[in-house]
Amino acid sequence: LVEEDLVMDGWTELARRILHRIASLEGPVDLPRIMDAVEDADFEKMEQIRARCDEVVEDPETAQKLKAWYRQLCKRPCFQIGRASWRERGEGWVLGGSRSRKGNG
C-alpha cells in the first residue's frame, strides 16, 4: 500500500479504504471475501456520511430524511471540502458567489 496519499480526494480515500480492508484479510483470499471487504468498506463510509447529516443538520427529522440509504457507488459520488451553502436568488442558485441557472443545480 502507498504510504502517503498525495492527492487526498474522495476517490483516493475510497480506494484506500477498500484496499485497507482487503489487505487486512487473514488466511486464503478469494473473490467472495474480497467482495465482503468491499461491502464492509462501503458500509463504513456510508455510515460516516449518515453521521455527518446528524452533525450538520440541526433538525433531526430533516437530517433523517437527507440520509442516503444506498451504497456509495450506487449514485455518482460528489466530494466537497467544507460546507456548501446554496441560496436561491431570483434568477438562479448561488453557491459561494457563483451562479447556476434555475434547473441546473
Protein backbone atom coordinates (compact mmCIF):
# COMPACT_ATOMS: atom_id res chain seq x y z
CA LEU A 1 0.00 0.00 0.00
CA VAL A 2 1.05 3.58 -0.61
CA GLU A 3 2.45 5.30 2.47
CA GLU A 4 1.30 8.83 1.64
CA ASP A 5 -1.75 9.98 -0.32
CA LEU A 6 -0.58 12.97 -2.34
CA VAL A 7 -3.99 13.59 -3.91
CA MET A 8 -6.19 13.25 -0.81
CA ASP A 9 -9.55 13.44 -2.56
CA GLY A 10 -12.71 11.37 -2.23
CA TRP A 11 -11.63 8.86 -4.88
CA THR A 12 -8.28 8.08 -3.30
CA GLU A 13 -9.92 7.91 0.14
CA LEU A 14 -12.39 5.36 -1.25
CA ALA A 15 -9.62 3.30 -2.84
CA ARG A 16 -7.50 3.47 0.31
CA ARG A 17 -10.43 2.34 2.47
CA ILE A 18 -11.17 -0.65 0.20
CA LEU A 19 -7.50 -1.65 -0.18
CA HIS A 20 -7.01 -1.46 3.58
CA ARG A 21 -9.95 -3.82 4.14
CA ILE A 22 -8.65 -6.30 1.57
CA ALA A 23 -5.07 -6.13 2.88
CA SER A 24 -6.28 -6.87 6.42
CA LEU A 25 -7.90 -10.17 5.40
CA GLU A 26 -6.27 -13.17 7.04
CA GLY A 27 -5.99 -16.62 5.56
CA PRO A 28 -6.88 -17.55 1.98
CA VAL A 29 -8.31 -14.66 -0.01
CA ASP A 30 -10.92 -15.46 -2.63
CA LEU A 31 -13.43 -13.38 -4.57
CA PRO A 32 -16.32 -13.70 -2.07
CA ARG A 33 -14.06 -12.49 0.77
CA ILE A 34 -12.82 -9.59 -1.36
CA MET A 35 -16.41 -8.62 -2.19
CA ASP A 36 -17.32 -8.77 1.53
CA ALA A 37 -14.36 -6.50 2.30
CA VAL A 38 -15.50 -4.02 -0.37
CA GLU A 39 -19.04 -4.08 1.02
CA ASP A 40 -17.76 -3.52 4.57
CA ALA A 41 -15.68 -0.55 3.41
CA ASP A 42 -18.70 0.85 1.57
CA PHE A 43 -20.96 0.47 4.61
CA GLU A 44 -18.36 2.12 6.84
CA LYS A 45 -18.17 5.16 4.53
CA MET A 46 -21.93 5.45 4.20
CA GLU A 47 -22.30 5.33 7.99
CA GLN A 48 -19.76 8.18 8.16
CA ILE A 49 -21.84 10.18 5.66
CA ARG A 50 -25.08 9.49 7.55
CA ALA A 51 -23.44 10.57 10.81
CA ARG A 52 -22.39 13.81 9.11
CA CYS A 53 -26.07 14.55 8.41
CA ASP A 54 -26.71 14.42 12.16
CA GLU A 55 -23.75 16.74 12.81
CA VAL A 56 -24.61 19.37 10.18
CA VAL A 57 -28.42 19.45 10.01
CA GLU A 58 -29.98 21.00 13.08
CA ASP A 59 -33.44 19.41 12.77
CA PRO A 60 -33.26 15.63 13.48
CA GLU A 61 -36.30 14.85 11.30
CA THR A 62 -34.78 16.67 8.32
CA ALA A 63 -31.40 15.02 8.94
CA GLN A 64 -33.04 11.60 8.84
CA LYS A 65 -34.77 12.42 5.53
CA LEU A 66 -31.48 13.57 3.98
CA LYS A 67 -29.57 10.39 4.79
CA ALA A 68 -28.62 8.19 1.88
CA TRP A 69 -29.55 4.53 2.35
CA TYR A 70 -27.86 3.16 -0.75
CA ARG A 71 -24.29 2.09 -1.49
CA GLN A 72 -21.67 4.76 -2.12
CA LEU A 73 -21.18 3.94 -5.79
CA CYS A 74 -24.89 3.41 -6.48
CA LYS A 75 -25.13 7.10 -7.38
CA ARG A 76 -22.48 9.37 -8.82
CA PRO A 77 -20.38 10.32 -5.80
CA CYS A 78 -19.81 14.00 -5.14
CA PHE A 79 -16.95 15.09 -2.95
CA GLN A 80 -16.57 18.52 -1.43
CA ILE A 81 -14.40 20.14 1.15
CA GLY A 82 -16.04 22.23 3.81
CA ARG A 83 -19.62 23.36 3.93
CA ALA A 84 -21.73 24.31 0.94
CA SER A 85 -24.35 26.99 1.24
CA TRP A 86 -26.91 27.13 -1.57
CA ARG A 87 -29.30 30.07 -1.67
CA GLU A 88 -31.94 30.82 -4.26
CA ARG A 89 -31.62 34.33 -5.62
CA GLY A 90 -34.33 35.15 -8.15
CA GLU A 91 -32.56 34.21 -11.39
CA GLY A 92 -30.68 31.19 -10.05
CA TRP A 93 -28.95 29.40 -7.24
CA VAL A 94 -25.87 30.84 -5.53
CA LEU A 95 -23.07 28.70 -4.10
CA GLY A 96 -20.12 30.56 -2.70
CA GLY A 97 -20.75 33.52 -5.01
CA SER A 98 -21.06 31.53 -8.25
CA ARG A 99 -24.38 31.34 -10.04
CA SER A 100 -26.24 28.48 -11.65
CA ARG A 101 -29.33 28.98 -13.79
CA LYS A 102 -32.55 27.52 -12.39
CA GLY A 103 -32.93 23.90 -13.24
CA ASN A 104 -29.17 23.32 -13.40
CA GLY A 105 -28.40 22.85 -9.84
